[in-house]
Amino acid sequence: MENLIDRISKIEEATERVRESAEEEKKQVDRRMQEKTAALDQKIEAETEERLQQIREEYAKKAEEELSLQQRQGQEELSRISAYYEASHEALSDEILRKVIES
């Protein structure tokens, strides 16, 4: 009977060791998964930030090009109006004076 109790006790001890070992292994797996997840999160965050920076630079470049185009077009329009005025200012002045006199 005592032999049976000893064997049951040994089985319980072995079961406890297996359970503790499994628990420790589970903790190690969890820790490795957390490390891998953190590394992946960091990598994705870095890639996302890099892509966002590229997009910002692209939009800044496009905005600068658009502004430059608008400035150039505005300058061309001012030049055209100025040229028209220079060529026609006497006729325009005469027309304005005639309309004032007619009024």
N, C-alpha and C. Protein backbone atom coordinates (compact mmCIF):
# COMPACT_ATOMS: atom_id res chain seq x y z
N MET A 1 0.82 -1.18 0.00
CA MET A 1 0.00 0.00 0.00
C MET A 1 0.88 1.26 0.00
N GLU A 2 1.91 1.20 0.85
CA GLU A 2 2.81 2.34 0.92
C GLU A 2 3.54 2.51 -0.41
N ASN A 3 3.84 1.41 -1.07
CA ASN A 3 4.48 1.43 -2.37
C ASN A 3 3.57 2.13 -3.39
N LEU A 4 2.29 1.84 -3.32
CA LEU A 4 1.32 2.46 -4.21
C LEU A 4 1.24 3.97 -3.96
N ILE A 5 1.25 4.37 -2.71
CA ILE A 5 1.21 5.78 -2.34
C ILE A 5 2.48 6.49 -2.85
N ASP A 6 3.62 5.83 -2.71
CA ASP A 6 4.88 6.41 -3.21
C ASP A 6 4.82 6.59 -4.74
N ARG A 7 4.30 5.62 -5.41
CA ARG A 7 4.22 5.71 -6.88
C ARG A 7 3.25 6.82 -7.30
N ILE A 8 2.12 6.92 -6.62
CA ILE A 8 1.16 7.99 -6.92
C ILE A 8 1.80 9.35 -6.64
N SER A 9 2.53 9.44 -5.57
CA SER A 9 3.21 10.68 -5.21
C SER A 9 4.24 11.05 -6.27
N LYS A 10 5.01 10.06 -6.72
CA LYS A 10 5.99 10.31 -7.77
C LYS A 10 5.31 10.74 -9.07
N ILE A 11 4.19 10.11 -9.39
CA ILE A 11 3.43 10.49 -10.59
C ILE A 11 2.94 11.93 -10.47
N GLU A 12 2.44 12.28 -9.30
CA GLU A 12 1.98 13.66 -9.08
C GLU A 12 3.14 14.65 -9.20
N GLU A 13 4.29 14.28 -8.67
CA GLU A 13 5.47 15.15 -8.77
C GLU A 13 5.90 15.32 -10.23
N ALA A 14 5.90 14.20 -10.95
CA ALA A 14 6.28 14.25 -12.36
C ALA A 14 5.26 15.08 -13.15
N THR A 15 4.00 14.91 -12.84
CA THR A 15 2.94 15.70 -13.49
C THR A 15 3.14 17.19 -13.21
N GLU A 16 3.47 17.51 -11.98
CA GLU A 16 3.71 18.92 -11.60
C GLU A 16 4.91 19.48 -12.35
N ARG A 17 5.97 18.69 -12.47
CA ARG A 17 7.15 19.15 -13.21
C ARG A 17 6.82 19.38 -14.68
N VAL A 18 6.06 18.49 -15.29
CA VAL A 18 5.65 18.64 -16.69
C VAL A 18 4.79 19.90 -16.84
N ARG A 19 3.86 20.11 -15.90
CA ARG A 19 3.01 21.29 -15.94
C ARG A 19 3.84 22.56 -15.80
N GLU A 20 4.78 22.58 -14.88
CA GLU A 20 5.66 23.75 -14.68
C GLU A 20 6.53 23.99 -15.92
N SER A 21 7.03 22.90 -16.49
CA SER A 21 7.84 23.01 -17.69
C SER A 21 7.01 23.58 -18.84
N ALA A 22 5.80 23.08 -18.99
CA ALA A 22 4.91 23.57 -20.04
C ALA A 22 4.57 25.05 -19.81
N GLU A 23 4.36 25.41 -18.57
CA GLU A 23 4.06 26.81 -18.22
C GLU A 23 5.25 27.71 -18.56
N GLU A 24 6.45 27.26 -18.24
CA GLU A 24 7.65 28.03 -18.54
C GLU A 24 7.84 28.16 -20.05
N GLU A 25 7.62 27.06 -20.77
CA GLU A 25 7.74 27.10 -22.22
C GLU A 25 6.71 28.05 -22.82
N LYS A 26 5.52 28.03 -22.27
CA LYS A 26 4.46 28.93 -22.73
C LYS A 26 4.89 30.39 -22.52
N LYS A 27 5.49 30.69 -21.39
CA LYS A 27 5.96 32.05 -21.11
C LYS A 27 7.04 32.46 -22.11
N GLN A 28 7.95 31.53 -22.41
CA GLN A 28 9.01 31.83 -23.37
C GLN A 28 8.44 32.08 -24.77
N VAL A 29 7.48 31.26 -25.17
CA VAL A 29 6.83 31.45 -26.48
C VAL A 29 6.12 32.80 -26.51
N ASP A 30 5.40 33.12 -25.41
CA ASP A 30 4.71 34.41 -25.33
C ASP A 30 5.71 35.57 -25.44
N ARG A 31 6.82 35.46 -24.76
CA ARG A 31 7.84 36.51 -24.77
C ARG A 31 8.42 36.68 -26.19
N ARG A 32 8.72 35.55 -26.85
CA ARG A 32 9.24 35.61 -28.22
C ARG A 32 8.21 36.24 -29.16
N MET A 33 6.95 35.88 -28.99
CA MET A 33 5.90 36.45 -29.84
C MET A 33 5.76 37.95 -29.59
N GLN A 34 5.87 38.37 -28.35
CA GLN A 34 5.81 39.80 -28.04
C GLN A 34 6.98 40.53 -28.67
N GLU A 35 8.16 39.95 -28.60
CA GLU A 35 9.35 40.56 -29.21
C GLU A 35 9.19 40.66 -30.72
N LYS A 36 8.70 39.58 -31.34
CA LYS A 36 8.49 39.60 -32.79
C LYS A 36 7.42 40.61 -33.17
N THR A 37 6.35 40.67 -32.38
CA THR A 37 5.28 41.64 -32.65
C THR A 37 5.80 43.06 -32.50
N ALA A 38 6.57 43.32 -31.47
CA ALA A 38 7.13 44.66 -31.26
C ALA A 38 8.06 45.03 -32.41
N ALA A 39 8.88 44.08 -32.84
CA ALA A 39 9.81 44.35 -33.95
C ALA A 39 9.03 44.62 -35.25
N LEU A 40 7.99 43.83 -35.48
CA LEU A 40 7.17 44.03 -36.67
C LEU A 40 6.46 45.38 -36.62
N ASP A 41 5.90 45.71 -35.45
CA ASP A 41 5.25 47.02 -35.28
C ASP A 41 6.22 48.15 -35.56
N GLN A 42 7.43 48.02 -35.04
CA GLN A 42 8.44 49.06 -35.24
C GLN A 42 8.81 49.17 -36.73
N LYS A 43 8.96 48.04 -37.38
CA LYS A 43 9.30 48.03 -38.81
C LYS A 43 8.18 48.67 -39.62
N ILE A 44 6.94 48.29 -39.33
CA ILE A 44 5.80 48.85 -40.06
C ILE A 44 5.69 50.35 -39.81
N GLU A 45 5.90 50.75 -38.57
CA GLU A 45 5.84 52.18 -38.24
C GLU A 45 6.92 52.96 -39.00
N ALA A 46 8.12 52.41 -39.07
CA ALA A 46 9.22 53.08 -39.78
C ALA A 46 8.90 53.16 -41.28
N GLU A 47 8.39 52.06 -41.84
CA GLU A 47 8.04 52.06 -43.27
C GLU A 47 6.92 53.05 -43.55
N THR A 48 5.94 53.09 -42.66
CA THR A 48 4.82 54.01 -42.82
C THR A 48 5.30 55.46 -42.75
N GLU A 49 6.16 55.76 -41.79
CA GLU A 49 6.69 57.11 -41.65
C GLU A 49 7.50 57.50 -42.88
N GLU A 50 8.28 56.56 -43.39
CA GLU A 50 9.09 56.82 -44.59
C GLU A 50 8.17 57.11 -45.78
N ARG A 51 7.13 56.30 -45.94
CA ARG A 51 6.19 56.51 -47.06
C ARG A 51 5.45 57.84 -46.90
N LEU A 52 5.04 58.16 -45.68
CA LEU A 52 4.38 59.45 -45.43
C LEU A 52 5.31 60.61 -45.79
N GLN A 53 6.58 60.47 -45.45
CA GLN A 53 7.54 61.52 -45.77
C GLN A 53 7.68 61.67 -47.29
N GLN A 54 7.70 60.54 -47.99
CA GLN A 54 7.77 60.59 -49.46
C GLN A 54 6.55 61.29 -50.03
N ILE A 55 5.38 60.96 -49.49
CA ILE A 55 4.14 61.58 -49.97
C ILE A 55 4.16 63.08 -49.68
N ARG A 56 4.61 63.46 -48.48
CA ARG A 56 4.70 64.89 -48.16
C ARG A 56 5.63 65.61 -49.13
N GLU A 57 6.77 64.99 -49.42
CA GLU A 57 7.73 65.60 -50.34
C GLU A 57 7.15 65.72 -51.75
N GLU A 58 6.42 64.67 -52.18
CA GLU A 58 5.80 64.70 -53.50
C GLU A 58 4.78 65.83 -53.58
N TYR A 59 3.93 65.94 -52.55
CA TYR A 59 2.91 67.00 -52.56
C TYR A 59 3.54 68.38 -52.45
N ALA A 60 4.59 68.51 -51.69
CA ALA A 60 5.28 69.80 -51.58
C ALA A 60 5.88 70.18 -52.93
N LYS A 61 6.47 69.21 -53.62
CA LYS A 61 7.05 69.47 -54.93
C LYS A 61 5.96 69.86 -55.93
N LYS A 62 4.84 69.12 -55.91
CA LYS A 62 3.74 69.43 -56.82
C LYS A 62 3.17 70.82 -56.51
N ALA A 63 3.02 71.14 -55.23
CA ALA A 63 2.51 72.45 -54.84
C ALA A 63 3.45 73.55 -55.30
N GLU A 64 4.74 73.31 -55.15
CA GLU A 64 5.74 74.30 -55.58
C GLU A 64 5.70 74.48 -57.11
N GLU A 65 5.57 73.37 -57.83
CA GLU A 65 5.47 73.45 -59.29
C GLU A 65 4.21 74.20 -59.71
N GLU A 66 3.09 73.90 -59.04
CA GLU A 66 1.82 74.56 -59.35
C GLU A 66 1.91 76.06 -59.06
N LEU A 67 2.50 76.40 -57.93
CA LEU A 67 2.68 77.81 -57.58
C LEU A 67 3.56 78.51 -58.60
N SER A 68 4.63 77.86 -59.00
CA SER A 68 5.54 78.42 -59.99
C SER A 68 4.80 78.64 -61.32
N LEU A 69 4.00 77.66 -61.72
CA LEU A 69 3.22 77.77 -62.96
C LEU A 69 2.24 78.94 -62.87
N GLN A 70 1.54 79.05 -61.74
CA GLN A 70 0.59 80.14 -61.57
C GLN A 70 1.29 81.49 -61.57
N GLN A 71 2.45 81.56 -60.93
CA GLN A 71 3.20 82.82 -60.93
C GLN A 71 3.63 83.17 -62.36
N ARG A 72 4.10 82.19 -63.09
CA ARG A 72 4.54 82.42 -64.47
C ARG A 72 3.35 82.86 -65.33
N GLN A 73 2.21 82.18 -65.17
CA GLN A 73 1.02 82.55 -65.94
C GLN A 73 0.55 83.96 -65.55
N GLY A 74 0.59 84.27 -64.26
CA GLY A 74 0.22 85.61 -63.80
C GLY A 74 1.14 86.67 -64.38
N GLN A 75 2.42 86.38 -64.39
CA GLN A 75 3.39 87.32 -64.95
C GLN A 75 3.17 87.50 -66.45
N GLU A 76 2.88 86.40 -67.15
CA GLU A 76 2.60 86.48 -68.58
C GLU A 76 1.35 87.32 -68.85
N GLU A 77 0.33 87.12 -68.02
CA GLU A 77 -0.91 87.89 -68.17
C GLU A 77 -0.65 89.37 -67.91
N LEU A 78 0.12 89.68 -66.88
CA LEU A 78 0.47 91.08 -66.60
C LEU A 78 1.27 91.67 -67.75
N SER A 79 2.18 90.91 -68.31
CA SER A 79 2.98 91.38 -69.45
C SER A 79 2.08 91.63 -70.66
N ARG A 80 1.13 90.73 -70.89
CA ARG A 80 0.20 90.88 -72.00
C ARG A 80 -0.66 92.13 -71.82
N ILE A 81 -1.19 92.33 -70.60
CA ILE A 81 -2.01 93.51 -70.32
C ILE A 81 -1.18 94.77 -70.45
N SER A 82 0.04 94.73 -69.93
CA SER A 82 0.93 95.89 -70.02
C SER A 82 1.26 96.21 -71.47
N ALA A 83 1.51 95.20 -72.27
CA ALA A 83 1.80 95.41 -73.69
C ALA A 83 0.58 95.99 -74.39
N TYR A 84 -0.59 95.47 -74.06
CA TYR A 84 -1.82 95.99 -74.65
C TYR A 84 -2.01 97.45 -74.27
N TYR A 85 -1.77 97.75 -73.00
CA TYR A 85 -1.92 99.14 -72.53
C TYR A 85 -0.93 100.05 -73.25
N GLU A 86 0.33 99.60 -73.34
CA GLU A 86 1.35 100.42 -73.99
C GLU A 86 0.99 100.68 -75.46
N ALA A 87 0.43 99.65 -76.10
CA ALA A 87 0.09 99.80 -77.51
C ALA A 87 -1.19 100.59 -77.70
N SER A 88 -2.08 100.56 -76.71
CA SER A 88 -3.42 101.13 -76.91
C SER A 88 -3.77 102.24 -75.93
N HIS A 89 -2.85 102.70 -75.11
CA HIS A 89 -3.24 103.63 -74.05
C HIS A 89 -3.78 104.95 -74.60
N GLU A 90 -3.26 105.40 -75.73
CA GLU A 90 -3.77 106.65 -76.30
C GLU A 90 -5.20 106.47 -76.77
N ALA A 91 -5.46 105.36 -77.45
CA ALA A 91 -6.82 105.10 -77.94
C ALA A 91 -7.77 104.90 -76.76
N LEU A 92 -7.31 104.21 -75.72
CA LEU A 92 -8.15 103.99 -74.54
C LEU A 92 -8.44 105.33 -73.85
N SER A 93 -7.44 106.18 -73.73
CA SER A 93 -7.64 107.50 -73.09
C SER A 93 -8.62 108.33 -73.91
N ASP A 94 -8.48 108.31 -75.21
CA ASP A 94 -9.39 109.06 -76.06
C ASP A 94 -10.82 108.55 -75.91
N GLU A 95 -10.99 107.23 -75.85
CA GLU A 95 -12.32 106.63 -75.69
C GLU A 95 -12.94 107.01 -74.35
N ILE A 96 -12.13 106.99 -73.30
CA ILE A 96 -12.63 107.37 -71.97
C ILE A 96 -13.03 108.84 -71.98
N LEU A 97 -12.20 109.68 -72.55
CA LEU A 97 -12.49 111.11 -72.60
C LEU A 97 -13.76 111.36 -73.41
N ARG A 98 -13.93 110.68 -74.54
CA ARG A 98 -15.14 110.83 -75.36
C ARG A 98 -16.38 110.44 -74.58
N LYS A 99 -16.31 109.31 -73.81
CA LYS A 99 -17.48 108.87 -73.03
C LYS A 99 -17.79 109.85 -71.91
N VAL A 100 -16.76 110.43 -71.30
CA VAL A 100 -16.97 111.42 -70.24
C VAL A 100 -17.66 112.66 -70.82
N ILE A 101 -17.21 113.08 -71.97
CA ILE A 101 -17.77 114.27 -72.61
C ILE A 101 -19.22 114.01 -73.04
N GLU A 102 -19.51 112.83 -73.53
CA GLU A 102 -20.87 112.49 -73.96
C GLU A 102 -21.85 112.37 -72.80
N SER A 103 -21.36 112.11 -71.62
CA SER A 103 -22.25 111.89 -70.49
C SER A 103 -22.88 113.12 -69.97
